[in-house]
Structure formats: C-alpha cells, structure tokens
Amino acid sequence: MGLFDMFSKKPTPKKIDKLTKRMLNEHQQQQVRQEAISELVSYGTPLAITALVKRLGVNFRDTIKNEADKRQVAEILVDHFAADAIIPMLEFMRTEQSISAVIMTLGKIINSERLVTELIEILEGYAPTDHTTINARLQLVDALADEDDERVLSAVVPYLADHDDDIRVKVMGVIDDRVKPKQAGLEPVIEGLMKVLTDPLASGRIVRRAATVLANLQIDLSMRKADFVDLLPDGIEMAKNGRLTIR
C-alpha cells in the first residue's frame, strides 16, 4: 500500500473488509462498531452496502445489542439506500443461510409481488435433498407462508419431500392454511402428501401430520386405499366415503 492509499478516503476493498470485521465483532466496543457502520454508510458503494447487509445475517449472543444493531442497519438500508440495497440483499439471500432479517428488510423496499417472485426463485434453487441449505429453506418457506399470493402453494409443495422434518411440517402447515376442501387443482398437493404418508423413512410425527392434512381436505382416497391404509397412524382411519377421519 502506497503512502497516498494510506491516507486516502477511497473505499478500497481492504478498508471495507476491515470495517466489516469491526462491525461484526461483538467484542468490540459499541462506539467502534457504530463508527464502522457510519463509515460504511458514508462510502455508499455496492461493496459497502453488501457489508452492511452482512450485519443482518449475524447474531450476537447479547440479544439487546444484537437487535439494536440490526434495527439500525435495517433502517439505514431502507431509508438511506433503498433501491440501491436491493441487489446486495438478493445476492446475500442467494448465498447465505441466516436470511430472515434480510428478507424482512427487503420486504420494506420492494412490493409483495416482487418479493414473492424473488423468494420463490431462490427457494427453487435449493433441492429438497440439499444438506447444506436447510436453514435457508426453512426461512424461505416461513417468509412465503406470510405472503397472500397464489404462487406460494405450488412453490412449496415440492418440499413435502424435503429430508428435513421441520421443513416438511412447515410446508404441510402452509397447505393446511391455504387449501380448502374440494378445491380445484389439488392433485400435486395430494400426490405430495401421499408420498409423505407412504415414505418408509418418514418419522411418526411427519406421517401423522400428513394424514391429518389429508383428513382436513376431505378427499375421497378409496381408489388409493391399498397404497396406504395399513400405514395410517393410530387415531386416523378411512371412512366408508373414502375420506380420512380423526377419531
């Protein structure tokens, strides 16, 4: 580094990296972290904004300090940078696992329709069998569950086959909340739930949840009886009309 670079205010990658480390170090004094945040804001470059976004993906053990810092950074991204923060946040969401705070912040900048589009695109990039992106999938399904958009259901149904039980439960919750009995276009939902019900590796909790959702849908499953009737959990049975009932 030359003498000019040493005293320059130019936001070099090295400077931004140094400030980022200070901001993300919970053992630093609050004043030091605040100064790092302020300097990153003053730079205002895409790299500096990306650094600020990283603060939303890190949790300090001190929850009061953690929430205060995150709230401040979120407000800066929304009120100060606004549209300039969209791409850095989307890029963060595509590569990181702790993304719920970023999703919430992004939702204050873009409209619901675009947010759903972006969330679905990111979720579809993760296979249900991927062991490295469980946390991201959980947070994406959670975020989609909060959106009143007809695209959500079809986006989450493939994750009934997720290898993570918590994700499967969340997806079945989305189905239970959104699907009405005798609703049209339920075949993908029914097929997904049937695969859960007949999955030999599925836990008892997951099988019971799938059976309960199917019971709530009041669907005639008599034509599929041979596939699953012996697999029904205690307390759930098939009635004469082919519907599952909960005793």
C-alpha atoms as a PDB file:
ATOM      1  CA  MET A   1       0.000   0.000   0.000  1.00  0.00           C
ATOM      2  CA  GLY A   2       1.434   3.367  -1.001  1.00  0.00           C
ATOM      3  CA  LEU A   3       1.517   6.499   1.106  1.00  0.00           C
ATOM      4  CA  PHE A   4      -1.415   8.008  -0.842  1.00  0.00           C
ATOM      5  CA  ASP A   5      -3.606   4.931  -0.217  1.00  0.00           C
ATOM      6  CA  MET A   6      -2.826   5.009   3.467  1.00  0.00           C
ATOM      7  CA  PHE A   7      -4.371   8.459   3.961  1.00  0.00           C
ATOM      8  CA  SER A   8      -6.968   8.306   1.202  1.00  0.00           C
ATOM      9  CA  LYS A   9     -10.702   8.266   1.933  1.00  0.00           C
ATOM     10  CA  LYS A  10     -11.216   5.998  -1.053  1.00  0.00           C
ATOM     11  CA  PRO A  11     -13.359   2.993  -0.055  1.00  0.00           C
ATOM     12  CA  THR A  12     -10.936   0.265  -1.069  1.00  0.00           C
ATOM     13  CA  PRO A  13     -11.945  -3.390  -0.602  1.00  0.00           C
ATOM     14  CA  LYS A  14      -9.333  -3.705   2.149  1.00  0.00           C
ATOM     15  CA  LYS A  15     -10.810  -0.778   4.072  1.00  0.00           C
ATOM     16  CA  ILE A  16     -14.324  -2.107   3.700  1.00  0.00           C
ATOM     17  CA  ASP A  17     -13.205  -5.557   4.846  1.00  0.00           C
ATOM     18  CA  LYS A  18     -11.544  -4.027   7.916  1.00  0.00           C
ATOM     19  CA  LEU A  19     -14.651  -2.021   8.780  1.00  0.00           C
ATOM     20  CA  THR A  20     -16.842  -5.088   8.246  1.00  0.00           C
ATOM     21  CA  LYS A  21     -14.802  -7.113  10.719  1.00  0.00           C
ATOM     22  CA  ARG A  22     -15.128  -4.344  13.304  1.00  0.00           C
ATOM     23  CA  MET A  23     -18.878  -4.096  12.781  1.00  0.00           C
ATOM     24  CA  LEU A  24     -19.376  -7.875  13.064  1.00  0.00           C
ATOM     25  CA  ASN A  25     -17.181  -8.294  16.149  1.00  0.00           C
ATOM     26  CA  GLU A  26     -19.493  -8.350  19.157  1.00  0.00           C
ATOM     27  CA  HIS A  27     -16.493  -7.955  21.458  1.00  0.00           C
ATOM     28  CA  GLN A  28     -15.714  -4.538  20.009  1.00  0.00           C
ATOM     29  CA  GLN A  29     -16.949  -1.525  21.944  1.00  0.00           C
ATOM     30  CA  GLN A  30     -20.283  -0.214  20.726  1.00  0.00           C
ATOM     31  CA  GLN A  31     -18.706   3.073  19.695  1.00  0.00           C
ATOM     32  CA  VAL A  32     -16.197   1.242  17.496  1.00  0.00           C
ATOM     33  CA  ARG A  33     -18.973  -0.763  15.812  1.00  0.00           C
ATOM     34  CA  GLN A  34     -21.065   2.382  15.328  1.00  0.00           C
ATOM     35  CA  GLU A  35     -18.144   4.210  13.751  1.00  0.00           C
ATOM     36  CA  ALA A  36     -17.636   1.289  11.363  1.00  0.00           C
ATOM     37  CA  ILE A  37     -21.304   1.373  10.384  1.00  0.00           C
ATOM     38  CA  SER A  38     -21.194   5.138   9.839  1.00  0.00           C
ATOM     39  CA  GLU A  39     -18.100   4.933   7.681  1.00  0.00           C
ATOM     40  CA  LEU A  40     -19.612   2.183   5.538  1.00  0.00           C
ATOM     41  CA  VAL A  41     -22.711   4.325   5.086  1.00  0.00           C
ATOM     42  CA  SER A  42     -20.583   7.295   4.043  1.00  0.00           C
ATOM     43  CA  TYR A  43     -18.872   5.163   1.388  1.00  0.00           C
ATOM     44  CA  GLY A  44     -22.189   4.086  -0.085  1.00  0.00           C
ATOM     45  CA  THR A  45     -20.643   1.774  -2.677  1.00  0.00           C
ATOM     46  CA  PRO A  46     -22.198  -1.609  -3.582  1.00  0.00           C
ATOM     47  CA  LEU A  47     -19.424  -3.316  -1.632  1.00  0.00           C
ATOM     48  CA  ALA A  48     -20.078  -1.129   1.416  1.00  0.00           C
ATOM     49  CA  ILE A  49     -23.823  -1.795   1.222  1.00  0.00           C
ATOM     50  CA  THR A  50     -23.113  -5.521   0.952  1.00  0.00           C
ATOM     51  CA  ALA A  51     -21.034  -5.241   4.116  1.00  0.00           C
ATOM     52  CA  LEU A  52     -23.964  -3.619   5.945  1.00  0.00           C
ATOM     53  CA  VAL A  53     -26.281  -6.385   4.758  1.00  0.00           C
ATOM     54  CA  LYS A  54     -23.954  -8.907   6.373  1.00  0.00           C
ATOM     55  CA  ARG A  55     -24.778  -7.404   9.761  1.00  0.00           C
ATOM     56  CA  LEU A  56     -28.363  -8.621   9.347  1.00  0.00           C
ATOM     57  CA  GLY A  57     -27.109 -12.187   8.945  1.00  0.00           C
ATOM     58  CA  VAL A  58     -25.013 -12.296  12.119  1.00  0.00           C
ATOM     59  CA  ASN A  59     -26.387 -12.877  15.614  1.00  0.00           C
ATOM     60  CA  PHE A  60     -24.590 -11.648  18.724  1.00  0.00           C
ATOM     61  CA  ARG A  61     -25.033 -13.516  21.986  1.00  0.00           C
ATOM     62  CA  ASP A  62     -26.102 -10.256  23.624  1.00  0.00           C
ATOM     63  CA  THR A  63     -29.646 -10.118  22.246  1.00  0.00           C
ATOM     64  CA  ILE A  64     -30.270  -6.475  23.212  1.00  0.00           C
ATOM     65  CA  LYS A  65     -27.096  -5.327  21.494  1.00  0.00           C
ATOM     66  CA  ASN A  66     -27.824  -7.608  18.559  1.00  0.00           C
ATOM     67  CA  GLU A  67     -31.359  -6.324  17.955  1.00  0.00           C
ATOM     68  CA  ALA A  68     -30.322  -2.684  18.345  1.00  0.00           C
ATOM     69  CA  ASP A  69     -27.555  -3.015  15.752  1.00  0.00           C
ATOM     70  CA  LYS A  70     -29.764  -4.939  13.321  1.00  0.00           C
ATOM     71  CA  ARG A  71     -32.607  -2.442  13.661  1.00  0.00           C
ATOM     72  CA  GLN A  72     -30.237   0.430  12.950  1.00  0.00           C
ATOM     73  CA  VAL A  73     -28.719  -1.239   9.891  1.00  0.00           C
ATOM     74  CA  ALA A  74     -32.142  -2.260   8.551  1.00  0.00           C
ATOM     75  CA  GLU A  75     -33.373   1.326   8.835  1.00  0.00           C
ATOM     76  CA  ILE A  76     -30.276   2.575   7.028  1.00  0.00           C
ATOM     77  CA  LEU A  77     -30.764   0.108   4.191  1.00  0.00           C
ATOM     78  CA  VAL A  78     -34.440   1.025   3.830  1.00  0.00           C
ATOM     79  CA  ASP A  79     -34.377   4.782   4.408  1.00  0.00           C
ATOM     80  CA  HIS A  80     -30.928   5.750   3.151  1.00  0.00           C
ATOM     81  CA  PHE A  81     -30.058   3.314   0.377  1.00  0.00           C
ATOM     82  CA  ALA A  82     -33.486   1.957  -0.616  1.00  0.00           C
ATOM     83  CA  ALA A  83     -33.302   0.701  -4.231  1.00  0.00           C
ATOM     84  CA  ASP A  84     -29.501   0.581  -4.126  1.00  0.00           C
ATOM     85  CA  ALA A  85     -29.714  -2.066  -1.387  1.00  0.00           C
ATOM     86  CA  ILE A  86     -31.956  -4.461  -3.338  1.00  0.00           C
ATOM     87  CA  ILE A  87     -29.288  -6.270  -5.355  1.00  0.00           C
ATOM     88  CA  PRO A  88     -26.847  -6.631  -2.415  1.00  0.00           C
ATOM     89  CA  MET A  89     -29.644  -8.128  -0.322  1.00  0.00           C
ATOM     90  CA  LEU A  90     -30.737 -10.521  -3.062  1.00  0.00           C
ATOM     91  CA  GLU A  91     -27.158 -11.653  -3.597  1.00  0.00           C
ATOM     92  CA  PHE A  92     -26.798 -12.240   0.140  1.00  0.00           C
ATOM     93  CA  MET A  93     -30.008 -14.283   0.228  1.00  0.00           C
ATOM     94  CA  ARG A  94     -28.780 -16.493  -2.614  1.00  0.00           C
ATOM     95  CA  THR A  95     -25.554 -17.442  -0.861  1.00  0.00           C
ATOM     96  CA  GLU A  96     -26.100 -17.279   2.909  1.00  0.00           C
ATOM     97  CA  GLN A  97     -28.128 -19.265   5.424  1.00  0.00           C
ATOM     98  CA  SER A  98     -29.235 -16.703   8.010  1.00  0.00           C
ATOM     99  CA  ILE A  99     -31.509 -14.598   5.845  1.00  0.00           C
ATOM    100  CA  SER A 100     -34.765 -13.906   7.715  1.00  0.00           C
ATOM    101  CA  ALA A 101     -33.761 -10.375   8.767  1.00  0.00           C
ATOM    102  CA  VAL A 102     -32.675  -9.604   5.213  1.00  0.00           C
ATOM    103  CA  ILE A 103     -36.000 -10.872   3.842  1.00  0.00           C
ATOM    104  CA  MET A 104     -37.919  -8.652   6.277  1.00  0.00           C
ATOM    105  CA  THR A 105     -35.817  -5.637   5.336  1.00  0.00           C
ATOM    106  CA  LEU A 106     -36.140  -6.290   1.623  1.00  0.00           C
ATOM    107  CA  GLY A 107     -39.904  -6.514   2.038  1.00  0.00           C
ATOM    108  CA  LYS A 108     -39.911  -2.883   3.184  1.00  0.00           C
ATOM    109  CA  ILE A 109     -38.318  -1.769  -0.077  1.00  0.00           C
ATOM    110  CA  ILE A 110     -39.986  -3.863  -2.777  1.00  0.00           C
ATOM    111  CA  ASN A 111     -43.639  -4.766  -3.192  1.00  0.00           C
ATOM    112  CA  SER A 112     -45.104  -8.100  -2.142  1.00  0.00           C
ATOM    113  CA  GLU A 113     -45.448  -9.426  -5.676  1.00  0.00           C
ATOM    114  CA  ARG A 114     -41.773  -8.948  -6.438  1.00  0.00           C
ATOM    115  CA  LEU A 115     -40.746 -10.249  -3.017  1.00  0.00           C
ATOM    116  CA  VAL A 116     -42.641 -13.495  -3.630  1.00  0.00           C
ATOM    117  CA  THR A 117     -41.068 -13.794  -7.076  1.00  0.00           C
ATOM    118  CA  GLU A 118     -37.580 -13.430  -5.625  1.00  0.00           C
ATOM    119  CA  LEU A 119     -38.216 -15.788  -2.699  1.00  0.00           C
ATOM    120  CA  ILE A 120     -39.595 -18.500  -4.981  1.00  0.00           C
ATOM    121  CA  GLU A 121     -36.658 -18.178  -7.364  1.00  0.00           C
ATOM    122  CA  ILE A 122     -34.185 -18.566  -4.516  1.00  0.00           C
ATOM    123  CA  LEU A 123     -36.095 -21.471  -2.934  1.00  0.00           C
ATOM    124  CA  GLU A 124     -36.285 -23.318  -6.260  1.00  0.00           C
ATOM    125  CA  GLY A 125     -32.507 -23.139  -6.450  1.00  0.00           C
ATOM    126  CA  TYR A 126     -32.275 -25.428  -3.414  1.00  0.00           C
ATOM    127  CA  ALA A 127     -33.003 -29.121  -3.812  1.00  0.00           C
ATOM    128  CA  PRO A 128     -35.059 -30.794  -1.053  1.00  0.00           C
ATOM    129  CA  THR A 129     -32.154 -33.207  -0.589  1.00  0.00           C
ATOM    130  CA  ASP A 130     -29.525 -30.490  -0.051  1.00  0.00           C
ATOM    131  CA  HIS A 131     -27.997 -30.870   3.408  1.00  0.00           C
ATOM    132  CA  THR A 132     -26.195 -27.508   3.286  1.00  0.00           C
ATOM    133  CA  THR A 133     -29.168 -25.184   2.836  1.00  0.00           C
ATOM    134  CA  ILE A 134     -31.673 -26.374   5.431  1.00  0.00           C
ATOM    135  CA  ASN A 135     -31.722 -23.084   7.361  1.00  0.00           C
ATOM    136  CA  ALA A 136     -32.255 -21.033   4.220  1.00  0.00           C
ATOM    137  CA  ARG A 137     -35.099 -23.287   3.076  1.00  0.00           C
ATOM    138  CA  LEU A 138     -36.763 -23.030   6.477  1.00  0.00           C
ATOM    139  CA  GLN A 139     -36.606 -19.245   6.411  1.00  0.00           C
ATOM    140  CA  LEU A 140     -37.757 -19.018   2.806  1.00  0.00           C
ATOM    141  CA  VAL A 141     -40.794 -21.239   3.433  1.00  0.00           C
ATOM    142  CA  ASP A 142     -41.575 -19.211   6.561  1.00  0.00           C
ATOM    143  CA  ALA A 143     -41.409 -15.963   4.614  1.00  0.00           C
ATOM    144  CA  LEU A 144     -43.558 -17.306   1.786  1.00  0.00           C
ATOM    145  CA  ALA A 145     -46.133 -18.552   4.295  1.00  0.00           C
ATOM    146  CA  ASP A 146     -46.674 -14.931   5.351  1.00  0.00           C
ATOM    147  CA  GLU A 147     -47.500 -13.804   1.812  1.00  0.00           C
ATOM    148  CA  ASP A 148     -51.018 -13.846   0.365  1.00  0.00           C
ATOM    149  CA  ASP A 149     -50.054 -14.970  -3.128  1.00  0.00           C
ATOM    150  CA  GLU A 150     -51.484 -17.861  -5.125  1.00  0.00           C
ATOM    151  CA  ARG A 151     -47.993 -18.838  -6.305  1.00  0.00           C
ATOM    152  CA  VAL A 152     -46.863 -19.797  -2.816  1.00  0.00           C
ATOM    153  CA  LEU A 153     -48.637 -23.148  -2.661  1.00  0.00           C
ATOM    154  CA  SER A 154     -47.166 -24.599  -5.840  1.00  0.00           C
ATOM    155  CA  ALA A 155     -43.728 -23.282  -4.869  1.00  0.00           C
ATOM    156  CA  VAL A 156     -43.608 -25.059  -1.510  1.00  0.00           C
ATOM    157  CA  VAL A 157     -45.341 -28.355  -2.390  1.00  0.00           C
ATOM    158  CA  PRO A 158     -42.130 -29.960  -3.791  1.00  0.00           C
ATOM    159  CA  TYR A 159     -40.602 -29.527  -0.321  1.00  0.00           C
ATOM    160  CA  LEU A 160     -43.021 -32.035   1.132  1.00  0.00           C
ATOM    161  CA  ALA A 161     -40.230 -34.372   0.021  1.00  0.00           C
ATOM    162  CA  ASP A 162     -37.593 -32.445   1.942  1.00  0.00           C
ATOM    163  CA  HIS A 163     -35.280 -34.613   4.021  1.00  0.00           C
ATOM    164  CA  ASP A 164     -35.656 -32.165   6.925  1.00  0.00           C
ATOM    165  CA  ASP A 165     -38.699 -32.814   9.108  1.00  0.00           C
ATOM    166  CA  ASP A 166     -39.129 -29.186  10.177  1.00  0.00           C
ATOM    167  CA  ILE A 167     -39.390 -28.067   6.557  1.00  0.00           C
ATOM    168  CA  ARG A 168     -41.944 -30.778   5.803  1.00  0.00           C
ATOM    169  CA  VAL A 169     -44.038 -29.687   8.786  1.00  0.00           C
ATOM    170  CA  LYS A 170     -43.886 -26.049   7.699  1.00  0.00           C
ATOM    171  CA  VAL A 171     -44.976 -26.930   4.176  1.00  0.00           C
ATOM    172  CA  MET A 172     -47.884 -29.013   5.475  1.00  0.00           C
ATOM    173  CA  GLY A 173     -48.864 -26.042   7.609  1.00  0.00           C
ATOM    174  CA  VAL A 174     -48.978 -23.863   4.504  1.00  0.00           C
ATOM    175  CA  ILE A 175     -51.186 -26.445   2.779  1.00  0.00           C
ATOM    176  CA  ASP A 176     -53.492 -26.748   5.788  1.00  0.00           C
ATOM    177  CA  ASP A 177     -53.897 -22.962   5.966  1.00  0.00           C
ATOM    178  CA  ARG A 178     -54.470 -22.324   2.258  1.00  0.00           C
ATOM    179  CA  VAL A 179     -56.209 -25.299   0.703  1.00  0.00           C
ATOM    180  CA  LYS A 180     -59.958 -25.695   1.027  1.00  0.00           C
ATOM    181  CA  PRO A 181     -61.868 -28.983   0.746  1.00  0.00           C
ATOM    182  CA  LYS A 182     -62.945 -29.790  -2.842  1.00  0.00           C
ATOM    183  CA  GLN A 183     -60.694 -27.036  -4.178  1.00  0.00           C
ATOM    184  CA  ALA A 184     -59.697 -27.458  -7.824  1.00  0.00           C
ATOM    185  CA  GLY A 185     -56.174 -28.319  -8.874  1.00  0.00           C
ATOM    186  CA  LEU A 186     -55.252 -30.286  -5.771  1.00  0.00           C
ATOM    187  CA  GLU A 187     -53.611 -33.251  -7.491  1.00  0.00           C
ATOM    188  CA  PRO A 188     -49.989 -32.127  -6.906  1.00  0.00           C
ATOM    189  CA  VAL A 189     -50.827 -31.466  -3.259  1.00  0.00           C
ATOM    190  CA  ILE A 190     -52.496 -34.851  -2.818  1.00  0.00           C
ATOM    191  CA  GLU A 191     -49.648 -36.649  -4.558  1.00  0.00           C
ATOM    192  CA  GLY A 192     -47.110 -34.895  -2.349  1.00  0.00           C
ATOM    193  CA  LEU A 193     -48.978 -35.752   0.833  1.00  0.00           C
ATOM    194  CA  MET A 194     -49.431 -39.376  -0.265  1.00  0.00           C
ATOM    195  CA  LYS A 195     -45.689 -39.687  -0.815  1.00  0.00           C
ATOM    196  CA  VAL A 196     -45.137 -38.455   2.721  1.00  0.00           C
ATOM    197  CA  LEU A 197     -47.694 -40.898   4.068  1.00  0.00           C
ATOM    198  CA  THR A 198     -46.035 -43.830   2.305  1.00  0.00           C
ATOM    199  CA  ASP A 199     -42.445 -42.760   2.878  1.00  0.00           C
ATOM    200  CA  PRO A 200     -40.786 -45.650   4.790  1.00  0.00           C
ATOM    201  CA  LEU A 201     -38.223 -43.260   6.234  1.00  0.00           C
ATOM    202  CA  ALA A 202     -40.722 -40.653   7.450  1.00  0.00           C
ATOM    203  CA  SER A 203     -40.999 -40.221  11.210  1.00  0.00           C
ATOM    204  CA  GLY A 204     -44.259 -40.883  13.026  1.00  0.00           C
ATOM    205  CA  ARG A 205     -44.707 -37.145  13.554  1.00  0.00           C
ATOM    206  CA  ILE A 206     -44.476 -36.458   9.833  1.00  0.00           C
ATOM    207  CA  VAL A 207     -46.815 -39.315   8.836  1.00  0.00           C
ATOM    208  CA  ARG A 208     -49.419 -38.177  11.360  1.00  0.00           C
ATOM    209  CA  ARG A 209     -49.217 -34.581  10.130  1.00  0.00           C
ATOM    210  CA  ALA A 210     -49.660 -35.671   6.505  1.00  0.00           C
ATOM    211  CA  ALA A 211     -52.617 -37.879   7.412  1.00  0.00           C
ATOM    212  CA  THR A 212     -54.200 -35.033   9.367  1.00  0.00           C
ATOM    213  CA  VAL A 213     -53.869 -32.625   6.435  1.00  0.00           C
ATOM    214  CA  LEU A 214     -55.406 -35.202   4.092  1.00  0.00           C
ATOM    215  CA  ALA A 215     -58.265 -35.685   6.550  1.00  0.00           C
ATOM    216  CA  ASN A 216     -58.856 -31.926   6.647  1.00  0.00           C
ATOM    217  CA  LEU A 217     -59.041 -31.837   2.850  1.00  0.00           C
ATOM    218  CA  GLN A 218     -61.972 -34.307   2.899  1.00  0.00           C
ATOM    219  CA  ILE A 219     -60.818 -36.117  -0.224  1.00  0.00           C
ATOM    220  CA  ASP A 220     -62.079 -39.486  -1.397  1.00  0.00           C
ATOM    221  CA  LEU A 221     -58.974 -41.657  -1.284  1.00  0.00           C
ATOM    222  CA  SER A 222     -60.710 -45.009  -1.681  1.00  0.00           C
ATOM    223  CA  MET A 223     -59.031 -45.645  -5.037  1.00  0.00           C
ATOM    224  CA  ARG A 224     -55.642 -45.361  -3.297  1.00  0.00           C
ATOM    225  CA  LYS A 225     -56.618 -47.409  -0.251  1.00  0.00           C
ATOM    226  CA  ALA A 226     -54.269 -50.288  -0.996  1.00  0.00           C
ATOM    227  CA  ASP A 227     -51.298 -47.928  -1.041  1.00  0.00           C
ATOM    228  CA  PHE A 228     -51.542 -46.568   2.470  1.00  0.00           C
ATOM    229  CA  VAL A 229     -54.433 -47.869   4.585  1.00  0.00           C
ATOM    230  CA  ASP A 230     -52.132 -50.086   6.650  1.00  0.00           C
ATOM    231  CA  LEU A 231     -49.794 -47.141   7.226  1.00  0.00           C
ATOM    232  CA  LEU A 232     -52.303 -44.840   8.880  1.00  0.00           C
ATOM    233  CA  PRO A 233     -51.282 -43.730  12.385  1.00  0.00           C
ATOM    234  CA  ASP A 234     -53.379 -44.529  15.429  1.00  0.00           C
ATOM    235  CA  GLY A 235     -56.472 -42.369  15.684  1.00  0.00           C
ATOM    236  CA  ILE A 236     -56.846 -41.824  11.937  1.00  0.00           C
ATOM    237  CA  GLU A 237     -58.899 -44.159   9.766  1.00  0.00           C
ATOM    238  CA  MET A 238     -60.660 -44.291   6.405  1.00  0.00           C
ATOM    239  CA  ALA A 239     -64.426 -43.867   6.448  1.00  0.00           C
ATOM    240  CA  LYS A 240     -66.828 -45.559   4.013  1.00  0.00           C
ATOM    241  CA  ASN A 241     -66.837 -42.481   1.805  1.00  0.00           C
ATOM    242  CA  GLY A 242     -63.082 -42.852   1.317  1.00  0.00           C
ATOM    243  CA  ARG A 243     -62.197 -39.855   3.436  1.00  0.00           C
ATOM    244  CA  LEU A 244     -59.742 -39.965   6.286  1.00  0.00           C
ATOM    245  CA  THR A 245     -61.241 -39.208   9.670  1.00  0.00           C
ATOM    246  CA  ILE A 246     -59.655 -38.323  13.003  1.00  0.00           C
ATOM    247  CA  ARG A 247     -61.112 -40.122  15.989  1.00  0.00           C
END
